[in-house]
Protein backbone atom coordinates (compact mmCIF):
# COMPACT_ATOMS: atom_id res chain seq x y z
CA MET A 1 -9.95 -14.22 33.73
CA SER A 2 -11.62 -11.28 31.61
CA THR A 3 -11.10 -10.66 27.97
CA GLU A 4 -13.07 -7.38 27.52
CA LYS A 5 -11.45 -4.08 25.63
CA ASP A 6 -10.71 -2.51 28.94
CA THR A 7 -9.36 -4.84 30.92
CA ILE A 8 -5.53 -4.27 31.98
CA GLU A 9 -2.57 -6.67 29.98
CA VAL A 10 0.71 -4.45 30.66
CA PHE A 11 1.74 -3.41 34.24
CA ASN A 12 4.20 -0.55 34.42
CA PHE A 13 5.65 0.08 37.84
CA ASN A 14 6.12 3.20 38.90
CA ASP A 15 9.47 2.98 41.27
CA GLU A 16 8.88 6.78 42.35
CA ILE A 17 5.48 6.33 43.42
CA PHE A 18 6.28 3.39 45.17
CA LEU A 19 9.18 4.59 47.15
CA LEU A 20 7.25 8.03 48.03
CA MET A 21 4.43 5.93 49.58
CA VAL A 22 6.57 3.48 51.32
CA GLU A 23 8.14 6.35 53.34
CA GLU A 24 5.13 7.98 54.09
CA ARG A 25 2.93 5.13 55.39
CA PHE A 26 5.67 2.63 56.61
CA ASP A 27 5.68 2.58 60.40
CA VAL A 28 5.44 -0.68 62.76
CA SER A 29 1.60 -0.61 62.51
CA ILE A 30 1.43 -0.46 58.82
CA THR A 31 -1.32 -3.30 57.56
CA ASN A 32 -1.05 -5.61 54.82
CA ARG A 33 -4.00 -3.76 53.35
CA ASP A 34 -1.68 -0.70 53.31
CA ILE A 35 0.72 -2.51 51.87
CA TYR A 36 -1.75 -4.01 49.11
CA GLU A 37 -3.05 -0.68 48.29
CA ILE A 38 0.77 0.85 47.73
CA VAL A 39 1.56 -1.78 45.59
CA ASN A 40 -1.56 -1.45 43.60
CA LYS A 41 -1.07 2.27 43.15
CA SER A 42 2.63 1.60 41.97
CA TYR A 43 1.33 -0.15 39.28
CA GLY A 44 -1.39 2.43 38.89
CA ILE A 45 -4.29 0.37 39.12
CA LYS A 46 -7.19 1.69 40.81
CA TYR A 47 -9.86 -0.68 42.99
CA ASP A 48 -12.34 -0.99 40.45
CA ASP A 49 -10.19 -1.50 37.18
CA MET A 50 -10.09 -4.88 35.54
CA LEU A 51 -7.27 -6.58 34.83
CA ASN A 52 -5.56 -9.63 33.98
CA VAL A 53 -4.90 -11.41 37.26
CA VAL A 54 -2.60 -14.30 35.84
CA LYS A 55 -0.12 -11.53 34.05
CA TYR A 56 -0.47 -8.69 37.28
CA THR A 57 0.21 -12.02 39.75
CA ASN A 58 3.65 -13.43 37.61
CA GLU A 59 4.43 -9.65 37.28
CA LEU A 60 4.01 -9.25 41.46
CA ALA A 61 6.42 -12.73 41.52
CA LYS A 62 9.02 -11.44 39.84
CA ARG A 63 9.62 -8.01 40.93
CA SER A 64 8.98 -10.15 44.72
CA LYS A 65 12.49 -12.39 43.17
CA MET A 66 14.07 -9.69 41.84
CA LEU A 67 14.00 -7.79 44.95
CA LYS A 68 14.74 -10.44 47.45
CA GLU A 69 17.95 -11.58 45.06
CA GLU A 70 18.87 -7.89 45.48
CA GLY A 71 18.75 -8.50 49.37
CA SER A 72 15.71 -5.64 49.31
CA ILE A 73 13.27 -6.55 52.25
CA LEU A 74 10.78 -4.33 49.97
CA TYR A 75 10.24 -7.76 48.65
CA THR A 76 7.69 -8.53 51.36
CA PHE A 77 5.18 -5.99 49.81
CA PHE A 78 4.99 -8.38 46.60
CA ASP A 79 4.49 -11.37 48.45
CA ILE A 80 1.69 -9.88 50.93
CA THR A 81 0.22 -8.41 47.87
CA LEU A 82 0.70 -11.81 46.13
CA GLY A 83 -0.63 -13.51 49.28
CA ILE A 84 -4.20 -11.24 49.31
CA ILE A 85 -4.61 -12.03 45.73
CA THR A 86 -4.70 -15.68 46.04
CA LYS A 87 -6.70 -15.49 48.79
CA LYS A 88 -9.15 -13.53 46.56
CA VAL A 89 -9.19 -16.42 44.27
CA ILE A 90 -9.01 -19.47 46.17
CA GLY A 91 -11.39 -19.09 48.67
CA LYS A 92 -10.56 -22.50 50.11
CA ASP A 93 -10.14 -22.90 54.27
CA ASP A 94 -6.97 -24.59 54.01
CA ALA A 95 -5.49 -22.74 51.66
CA ASN A 96 -6.32 -19.18 53.31
CA LYS A 97 -4.79 -20.47 56.71
CA LEU A 98 -1.35 -21.03 55.21
CA LEU A 99 -1.57 -17.99 53.32
CA ASP A 100 -2.74 -15.80 56.39
CA GLU A 101 1.08 -17.73 57.40
CA MET A 102 2.92 -16.64 55.02
CA ILE A 103 1.32 -12.91 54.81
CA PHE A 104 2.07 -12.73 58.94
CA ASP A 105 5.57 -14.23 58.39
CA ARG A 106 6.18 -11.45 55.87
CA MET A 107 4.83 -8.14 57.78
CA CYS A 108 6.53 -9.89 61.02
CA GLU A 109 9.92 -9.52 59.14
CA LEU A 110 8.83 -6.51 57.08
CA THR A 111 7.81 -4.46 60.20
CA GLY A 112 10.01 -6.72 63.54
CA ASN A 113 6.22 -6.53 65.06
CA ASN A 114 5.11 -9.73 66.16
CA LYS A 115 1.74 -8.60 66.56
CA HIS A 116 0.36 -8.16 63.56
CA LYS A 117 -3.56 -8.84 62.81
CA ASN A 118 -4.51 -10.65 59.24
CA GLU A 119 -6.98 -7.86 57.52
CA ASN A 120 -7.65 -9.11 54.55
């Protein structure tokens, strides 16, 4: 975990950006990479930003739990993003297989399409 001065430590979610991007990009052909980008952009995170991964994953988990408790299918966006981040951090074959299954299951739940390929 980085402690550099430019590391993002506070994550502010922008509901308007999130909902707009979901509306613009959502259809049955949406990929897990699309979802990852939507969630990150909703937090104002760019590709090369340094961030506190522990704090970010905690934020994603809280939002996922909150949305799931509210009965919103949008929780899957945060679960998928968590899975992708976890795969990058862990990098072990057995764990990656389990994470791939979770990501696939959430993609199917989200879209109703059982033919997603993993692109992460």
